[in-house]
Amino acid sequence: LAAGVGGIKIKVGQPDWREDLRRVAAVREHIGPD
């Protein structure tokens, strides 16, 4: 984001889908709602 790129995509699809949700939640909290 500091380099001027506008969005972030992360990978999901792990054997434990709950871990996917935890990763997405952590990134969303980190980068903010906007």
All heavy atoms as atom14 arrays in JSON, in Angstrom:
{
  "sequence": "LAAGVGGIKIKVGQPDWREDLRRVAAVREHIGPD",
  "atom14_mask": [
    [1, 1, 1, 1, 1, 1, 1, 1, 0, 0, 0, 0, 0, 0],
    [1, 1, 1, 1, 1, 0, 0, 0, 0, 0, 0, 0, 0, 0],
    [1, 1, 1, 1, 1, 0, 0, 0, 0, 0, 0, 0, 0, 0],
    [1, 1, 1, 1, 0, 0, 0, 0, 0, 0, 0, 0, 0, 0],
    [1, 1, 1, 1, 1, 1, 1, 0, 0, 0, 0, 0, 0, 0],
    [1, 1, 1, 1, 0, 0, 0, 0, 0, 0, 0, 0, 0, 0],
    [1, 1, 1, 1, 0, 0, 0, 0, 0, 0, 0, 0, 0, 0],
    [1, 1, 1, 1, 1, 1, 1, 1, 0, 0, 0, 0, 0, 0],
    [1, 1, 1, 1, 1, 1, 1, 1, 1, 0, 0, 0, 0, 0],
    [1, 1, 1, 1, 1, 1, 1, 1, 0, 0, 0, 0, 0, 0],
    [1, 1, 1, 1, 1, 1, 1, 1, 1, 0, 0, 0, 0, 0],
    [1, 1, 1, 1, 1, 1, 1, 0, 0, 0, 0, 0, 0, 0],
    [1, 1, 1, 1, 0, 0, 0, 0, 0, 0, 0, 0, 0, 0],
    [1, 1, 1, 1, 1, 1, 1, 1, 1, 0, 0, 0, 0, 0],
    [1, 1, 1, 1, 1, 1, 1, 0, 0, 0, 0, 0, 0, 0],
    [1, 1, 1, 1, 1, 1, 1, 1, 0, 0, 0, 0, 0, 0],
    [1, 1, 1, 1, 1, 1, 1, 1, 1, 1, 1, 1, 1, 1],
    [1, 1, 1, 1, 1, 1, 1, 1, 1, 1, 1, 0, 0, 0],
    [1, 1, 1, 1, 1, 1, 1, 1, 1, 0, 0, 0, 0, 0],
    [1, 1, 1, 1, 1, 1, 1, 1, 0, 0, 0, 0, 0, 0],
    [1, 1, 1, 1, 1, 1, 1, 1, 0, 0, 0, 0, 0, 0],
    [1, 1, 1, 1, 1, 1, 1, 1, 1, 1, 1, 0, 0, 0],
    [1, 1, 1, 1, 1, 1, 1, 1, 1, 1, 1, 0, 0, 0],
    [1, 1, 1, 1, 1, 1, 1, 0, 0, 0, 0, 0, 0, 0],
    [1, 1, 1, 1, 1, 0, 0, 0, 0, 0, 0, 0, 0, 0],
    [1, 1, 1, 1, 1, 0, 0, 0, 0, 0, 0, 0, 0, 0],
    [1, 1, 1, 1, 1, 1, 1, 0, 0, 0, 0, 0, 0, 0],
    [1, 1, 1, 1, 1, 1, 1, 1, 1, 1, 1, 0, 0, 0],
    [1, 1, 1, 1, 1, 1, 1, 1, 1, 0, 0, 0, 0, 0],
    [1, 1, 1, 1, 1, 1, 1, 1, 1, 1, 0, 0, 0, 0],
    [1, 1, 1, 1, 1, 1, 1, 1, 0, 0, 0, 0, 0, 0],
    [1, 1, 1, 1, 0, 0, 0, 0, 0, 0, 0, 0, 0, 0],
    [1, 1, 1, 1, 1, 1, 1, 0, 0, 0, 0, 0, 0, 0],
    [1, 1, 1, 1, 1, 1, 1, 1, 0, 0, 0, 0, 0, 0]
  ],
  "atom14_positions": [
    [[0.82, -1.2, 0.0], [0.0, 0.0, 0.0], [0.86, 1.26, 0.0], [0.53, 2.25, -0.67], [-0.95, -0.02, 1.2], [-1.97, -1.17, 1.21], [-2.75, -1.18, 2.52], [-2.92, -1.05, 0.02], [0.0, 0.0, 0.0], [0.0, 0.0, 0.0], [0.0, 0.0, 0.0], [0.0, 0.0, 0.0], [0.0, 0.0, 0.0], [0.0, 0.0, 0.0]],
    [[1.99, 1.21, 0.71], [2.89, 2.36, 0.72], [3.5, 2.62, -0.65], [3.87, 3.75, -0.98], [3.99, 2.14, 1.75], [0.0, 0.0, 0.0], [0.0, 0.0, 0.0], [0.0, 0.0, 0.0], [0.0, 0.0, 0.0], [0.0, 0.0, 0.0], [0.0, 0.0, 0.0], [0.0, 0.0, 0.0], [0.0, 0.0, 0.0], [0.0, 0.0, 0.0]],
    [[3.59, 1.57, -1.49], [4.14, 1.7, -2.83], [3.11, 2.18, -3.85], [3.41, 2.25, -5.05], [4.73, 0.37, -3.28], [0.0, 0.0, 0.0], [0.0, 0.0, 0.0], [0.0, 0.0, 0.0], [0.0, 0.0, 0.0], [0.0, 0.0, 0.0], [0.0, 0.0, 0.0], [0.0, 0.0, 0.0], [0.0, 0.0, 0.0], [0.0, 0.0, 0.0]],
    [[1.89, 2.47, -3.4], [0.9, 3.04, -4.29], [-0.05, 2.06, -4.92], [-0.88, 2.44, -5.75], [0.0, 0.0, 0.0], [0.0, 0.0, 0.0], [0.0, 0.0, 0.0], [0.0, 0.0, 0.0], [0.0, 0.0, 0.0], [0.0, 0.0, 0.0], [0.0, 0.0, 0.0], [0.0, 0.0, 0.0], [0.0, 0.0, 0.0], [0.0, 0.0, 0.0]],
    [[0.06, 0.77, -4.55], [-0.88, -0.23, -5.05], [-2.18, -0.11, -4.25], [-2.16, 0.14, -3.05], [-0.28, -1.64, -4.94], [-1.28, -2.71, -5.36], [0.97, -1.74, -5.79], [0.0, 0.0, 0.0], [0.0, 0.0, 0.0], [0.0, 0.0, 0.0], [0.0, 0.0, 0.0], [0.0, 0.0, 0.0], [0.0, 0.0, 0.0], [0.0, 0.0, 0.0]],
    [[-3.32, -0.33, -4.92], [-4.58, 0.03, -4.29], [-5.28, -1.04, -3.5], [-6.07, -0.74, -2.61], [0.0, 0.0, 0.0], [0.0, 0.0, 0.0], [0.0, 0.0, 0.0], [0.0, 0.0, 0.0], [0.0, 0.0, 0.0], [0.0, 0.0, 0.0], [0.0, 0.0, 0.0], [0.0, 0.0, 0.0], [0.0, 0.0, 0.0], [0.0, 0.0, 0.0]],
    [[-5.05, -2.32, -3.79], [-5.78, -3.39, -3.13], [-4.88, -4.55, -2.77], [-3.75, -4.67, -3.27], [0.0, 0.0, 0.0], [0.0, 0.0, 0.0], [0.0, 0.0, 0.0], [0.0, 0.0, 0.0], [0.0, 0.0, 0.0], [0.0, 0.0, 0.0], [0.0, 0.0, 0.0], [0.0, 0.0, 0.0], [0.0, 0.0, 0.0], [0.0, 0.0, 0.0]],
    [[-5.38, -5.42, -1.92], [-4.63, -6.58, -1.43], [-5.44, -7.84, -1.68], [-6.63, -7.9, -1.34], [-4.34, -6.46, 0.09], [-3.54, -5.19, 0.39], [-3.62, -7.71, 0.59], [-2.15, -5.16, -0.21], [0.0, 0.0, 0.0], [0.0, 0.0, 0.0], [0.0, 0.0, 0.0], [0.0, 0.0, 0.0], [0.0, 0.0, 0.0], [0.0, 0.0, 0.0]],
    [[-4.8, -8.85, -2.28], [-5.44, -10.16, -2.42], [-4.63, -11.19, -1.67], [-3.4, -11.22, -1.79], [-5.56, -10.57, -3.89], [-6.39, -11.85, -4.08], [-6.63, -12.15, -5.54], [-5.45, -12.82, -6.2], [-5.7, -13.14, -7.62], [0.0, 0.0, 0.0], [0.0, 0.0, 0.0], [0.0, 0.0, 0.0], [0.0, 0.0, 0.0], [0.0, 0.0, 0.0]],
    [[-5.3, -12.03, -0.91], [-4.62, -13.1, -0.19], [-5.21, -14.44, -0.59], [-6.34, -14.54, -1.05], [-4.67, -12.91, 1.34], [-6.1, -13.1, 1.86], [-4.13, -11.55, 1.73], [-6.16, -13.19, 3.38], [0.0, 0.0, 0.0], [0.0, 0.0, 0.0], [0.0, 0.0, 0.0], [0.0, 0.0, 0.0], [0.0, 0.0, 0.0], [0.0, 0.0, 0.0]],
    [[-4.41, -15.47, -0.4], [-4.81, -16.83, -0.75], [-5.58, -17.47, 0.41], [-5.26, -17.29, 1.59], [-3.59, -17.67, -1.08], [-2.78, -17.15, -2.27], [-3.53, -17.29, -3.56], [-2.68, -16.91, -4.76], [-3.35, -17.17, -6.04], [0.0, 0.0, 0.0], [0.0, 0.0, 0.0], [0.0, 0.0, 0.0], [0.0, 0.0, 0.0], [0.0, 0.0, 0.0]],
    [[-6.61, -18.26, 0.03], [-7.34, -19.08, 0.97], [-7.46, -20.47, 0.35], [-6.8, -20.77, -0.63], [-8.72, -18.48, 1.3], [-8.58, -17.16, 2.06], [-9.54, -18.27, 0.01], [0.0, 0.0, 0.0], [0.0, 0.0, 0.0], [0.0, 0.0, 0.0], [0.0, 0.0, 0.0], [0.0, 0.0, 0.0], [0.0, 0.0, 0.0], [0.0, 0.0, 0.0]],
    [[-8.31, -21.32, 0.93], [-8.47, -22.67, 0.39], [-7.67, -23.73, 1.12], [-7.4, -24.8, 0.58], [0.0, 0.0, 0.0], [0.0, 0.0, 0.0], [0.0, 0.0, 0.0], [0.0, 0.0, 0.0], [0.0, 0.0, 0.0], [0.0, 0.0, 0.0], [0.0, 0.0, 0.0], [0.0, 0.0, 0.0], [0.0, 0.0, 0.0], [0.0, 0.0, 0.0]],
    [[-7.3, -23.44, 2.37], [-6.53, -24.4, 3.15], [-7.41, -25.58, 3.6], [-8.64, -25.48, 3.61], [-5.95, -23.7, 4.38], [-5.01, -22.57, 4.03], [-4.5, -21.86, 5.27], [-3.5, -22.26, 5.85], [-5.19, -20.81, 5.66], [0.0, 0.0, 0.0], [0.0, 0.0, 0.0], [0.0, 0.0, 0.0], [0.0, 0.0, 0.0], [0.0, 0.0, 0.0]],
    [[-6.79, -26.7, 3.99], [-7.59, -27.83, 4.46], [-8.53, -27.47, 5.61], [-9.65, -27.97, 5.68], [-6.51, -28.85, 4.9], [-5.34, -28.52, 4.01], [-5.36, -27.03, 3.87], [0.0, 0.0, 0.0], [0.0, 0.0, 0.0], [0.0, 0.0, 0.0], [0.0, 0.0, 0.0], [0.0, 0.0, 0.0], [0.0, 0.0, 0.0], [0.0, 0.0, 0.0]],
    [[-8.09, -26.59, 6.51], [-8.94, -26.11, 7.6], [-9.48, -24.74, 7.2], [-8.79, -23.73, 7.28], [-8.14, -26.01, 8.9], [-8.98, -25.54, 10.08], [-10.19, -25.25, 9.89], [-8.42, -25.43, 11.19], [0.0, 0.0, 0.0], [0.0, 0.0, 0.0], [0.0, 0.0, 0.0], [0.0, 0.0, 0.0], [0.0, 0.0, 0.0], [0.0, 0.0, 0.0]],
    [[-10.74, -24.69, 6.76], [-11.31, -23.43, 6.28], [-11.44, -22.38, 7.38], [-11.48, -21.19, 7.1], [-12.66, -23.67, 5.62], [-13.72, -24.24, 6.51], [-13.96, -25.55, 6.77], [-14.7, -23.5, 7.23], [-15.03, -25.68, 7.62], [-15.51, -24.43, 7.92], [-14.98, -22.15, 7.37], [-16.57, -24.05, 8.75], [-16.04, -21.76, 8.18], [-16.83, -22.7, 8.86]],
    [[-11.48, -22.82, 8.63], [-11.53, -21.85, 9.73], [-10.25, -21.03, 9.8], [-10.27, -19.87, 10.19], [-11.8, -22.56, 11.06], [-13.15, -23.26, 11.11], [-13.31, -24.11, 12.36], [-14.57, -24.84, 12.35], [-14.76, -26.0, 11.73], [-13.75, -26.56, 11.06], [-15.93, -26.59, 11.76], [0.0, 0.0, 0.0], [0.0, 0.0, 0.0], [0.0, 0.0, 0.0]],
    [[-9.12, -21.66, 9.41], [-7.87, -20.92, 9.35], [-7.92, -19.86, 8.26], [-7.36, -18.77, 8.41], [-6.7, -21.87, 9.12], [-5.32, -21.21, 9.06], [-4.96, -20.45, 10.33], [-5.49, -20.79, 11.42], [-4.17, -19.48, 10.23], [0.0, 0.0, 0.0], [0.0, 0.0, 0.0], [0.0, 0.0, 0.0], [0.0, 0.0, 0.0], [0.0, 0.0, 0.0]],
    [[-8.59, -20.17, 7.16], [-8.8, -19.15, 6.13], [-9.52, -17.93, 6.7], [-9.12, -16.78, 6.47], [-9.66, -19.71, 4.98], [-8.9, -20.68, 4.1], [-7.67, -20.56, 4.0], [-9.55, -21.55, 3.49], [0.0, 0.0, 0.0], [0.0, 0.0, 0.0], [0.0, 0.0, 0.0], [0.0, 0.0, 0.0], [0.0, 0.0, 0.0], [0.0, 0.0, 0.0]],
    [[-10.58, -18.17, 7.46], [-11.34, -17.06, 8.04], [-10.49, -16.25, 9.0], [-10.58, -15.01, 9.03], [-12.59, -17.59, 8.75], [-13.64, -18.3, 7.88], [-14.83, -18.7, 8.72], [-14.07, -17.41, 6.72], [0.0, 0.0, 0.0], [0.0, 0.0, 0.0], [0.0, 0.0, 0.0], [0.0, 0.0, 0.0], [0.0, 0.0, 0.0], [0.0, 0.0, 0.0]],
    [[-9.65, -16.93, 9.76], [-8.78, -16.21, 10.69], [-7.79, -15.33, 9.93], [-7.52, -14.19, 10.35], [-8.04, -17.21, 11.6], [-8.92, -17.82, 12.68], [-8.12, -18.59, 13.7], [-7.65, -19.88, 13.17], [-8.32, -21.01, 13.28], [-9.5, -21.05, 13.87], [-7.82, -22.14, 12.79], [0.0, 0.0, 0.0], [0.0, 0.0, 0.0], [0.0, 0.0, 0.0]],
    [[-7.23, -15.83, 8.83], [-6.28, -15.03, 8.06], [-6.97, -13.82, 7.42], [-6.43, -12.71, 7.44], [-5.61, -15.9, 6.98], [-4.56, -16.84, 7.52], [-4.04, -17.79, 6.45], [-3.15, -17.15, 5.5], [-1.82, -17.09, 5.63], [-1.23, -17.6, 6.71], [-1.08, -16.53, 4.7], [0.0, 0.0, 0.0], [0.0, 0.0, 0.0], [0.0, 0.0, 0.0]],
    [[-8.14, -14.03, 6.86], [-8.85, -12.93, 6.24], [-9.21, -11.87, 7.29], [-9.05, -10.66, 7.06], [-10.11, -13.42, 5.51], [-10.92, -12.24, 4.96], [-9.73, -14.37, 4.38], [0.0, 0.0, 0.0], [0.0, 0.0, 0.0], [0.0, 0.0, 0.0], [0.0, 0.0, 0.0], [0.0, 0.0, 0.0], [0.0, 0.0, 0.0], [0.0, 0.0, 0.0]],
    [[-9.68, -12.32, 8.45], [-10.03, -11.38, 9.52], [-8.82, -10.57, 9.96], [-8.92, -9.35, 10.19], [-10.64, -12.14, 10.7], [0.0, 0.0, 0.0], [0.0, 0.0, 0.0], [0.0, 0.0, 0.0], [0.0, 0.0, 0.0], [0.0, 0.0, 0.0], [0.0, 0.0, 0.0], [0.0, 0.0, 0.0], [0.0, 0.0, 0.0], [0.0, 0.0, 0.0]],
    [[-7.67, -11.23, 10.07], [-6.46, -10.54, 10.52], [-6.02, -9.49, 9.5], [-5.61, -8.37, 9.87], [-5.35, -11.55, 10.76], [0.0, 0.0, 0.0], [0.0, 0.0, 0.0], [0.0, 0.0, 0.0], [0.0, 0.0, 0.0], [0.0, 0.0, 0.0], [0.0, 0.0, 0.0], [0.0, 0.0, 0.0], [0.0, 0.0, 0.0], [0.0, 0.0, 0.0]],
    [[-6.08, -9.82, 8.22], [-5.68, -8.86, 7.19], [-6.67, -7.7, 7.12], [-6.28, -6.53, 7.01], [-5.53, -9.55, 5.83], [-5.27, -8.53, 4.72], [-4.39, -10.56, 5.87], [0.0, 0.0, 0.0], [0.0, 0.0, 0.0], [0.0, 0.0, 0.0], [0.0, 0.0, 0.0], [0.0, 0.0, 0.0], [0.0, 0.0, 0.0], [0.0, 0.0, 0.0]],
    [[-7.97, -8.01, 7.17], [-8.97, -6.94, 7.14], [-8.77, -5.97, 8.31], [-8.81, -4.75, 8.14], [-10.38, -7.52, 7.14], [-11.5, -6.5, 7.29], [-11.36, -5.36, 6.28], [-11.93, -5.69, 4.99], [-11.67, -5.01, 3.89], [-10.8, -3.99, 3.92], [-12.21, -5.33, 2.74], [0.0, 0.0, 0.0], [0.0, 0.0, 0.0], [0.0, 0.0, 0.0]],
    [[-8.52, -6.51, 9.49], [-8.29, -5.64, 10.64], [-7.03, -4.8, 10.45], [-6.99, -3.61, 10.81], [-8.17, -6.48, 11.92], [-7.93, -5.64, 13.18], [-7.8, -6.49, 14.44], [-7.71, -7.73, 14.32], [-7.78, -5.9, 15.53], [0.0, 0.0, 0.0], [0.0, 0.0, 0.0], [0.0, 0.0, 0.0], [0.0, 0.0, 0.0], [0.0, 0.0, 0.0]],
    [[-6.0, -5.4, 9.85], [-4.73, -4.71, 9.68], [-4.82, -3.56, 8.67], [-4.29, -2.47, 8.91], [-3.67, -5.71, 9.22], [-2.33, -5.11, 8.98], [-1.51, -4.64, 9.98], [-1.64, -4.87, 7.81], [-0.4, -4.16, 9.47], [-0.46, -4.29, 8.15], [0.0, 0.0, 0.0], [0.0, 0.0, 0.0], [0.0, 0.0, 0.0], [0.0, 0.0, 0.0]],
    [[-5.48, -3.78, 7.55], [-5.5, -2.76, 6.5], [-6.67, -1.79, 6.65], [-6.71, -0.74, 6.0], [-5.55, -3.39, 5.1], [-6.84, -4.19, 4.87], [-4.31, -4.25, 4.87], [-6.96, -4.8, 3.48], [0.0, 0.0, 0.0], [0.0, 0.0, 0.0], [0.0, 0.0, 0.0], [0.0, 0.0, 0.0], [0.0, 0.0, 0.0], [0.0, 0.0, 0.0]],
    [[-7.63, -2.14, 7.51], [-8.76, -1.26, 7.73], [-9.92, -1.55, 6.8], [-9.8, -2.31, 5.83], [0.0, 0.0, 0.0], [0.0, 0.0, 0.0], [0.0, 0.0, 0.0], [0.0, 0.0, 0.0], [0.0, 0.0, 0.0], [0.0, 0.0, 0.0], [0.0, 0.0, 0.0], [0.0, 0.0, 0.0], [0.0, 0.0, 0.0], [0.0, 0.0, 0.0]],
    [[-11.06, -0.92, 7.05], [-12.28, -1.24, 6.31], [-12.35, -0.68, 4.9], [-13.19, -1.12, 4.11], [-13.38, -0.63, 7.19], [-12.7, 0.52, 7.88], [-11.3, 0.06, 8.13], [0.0, 0.0, 0.0], [0.0, 0.0, 0.0], [0.0, 0.0, 0.0], [0.0, 0.0, 0.0], [0.0, 0.0, 0.0], [0.0, 0.0, 0.0], [0.0, 0.0, 0.0]],
    [[-11.5, 0.29, 4.59], [-11.65, 1.0, 3.31], [-10.72, 0.51, 2.21], [-10.89, 0.9, 1.05], [-11.42, 2.5, 3.53], [-12.44, 3.11, 4.48], [-13.59, 2.64, 4.46], [-12.08, 4.03, 5.24], [0.0, 0.0, 0.0], [0.0, 0.0, 0.0], [0.0, 0.0, 0.0], [0.0, 0.0, 0.0], [0.0, 0.0, 0.0], [0.0, 0.0, 0.0]]
  ]
}
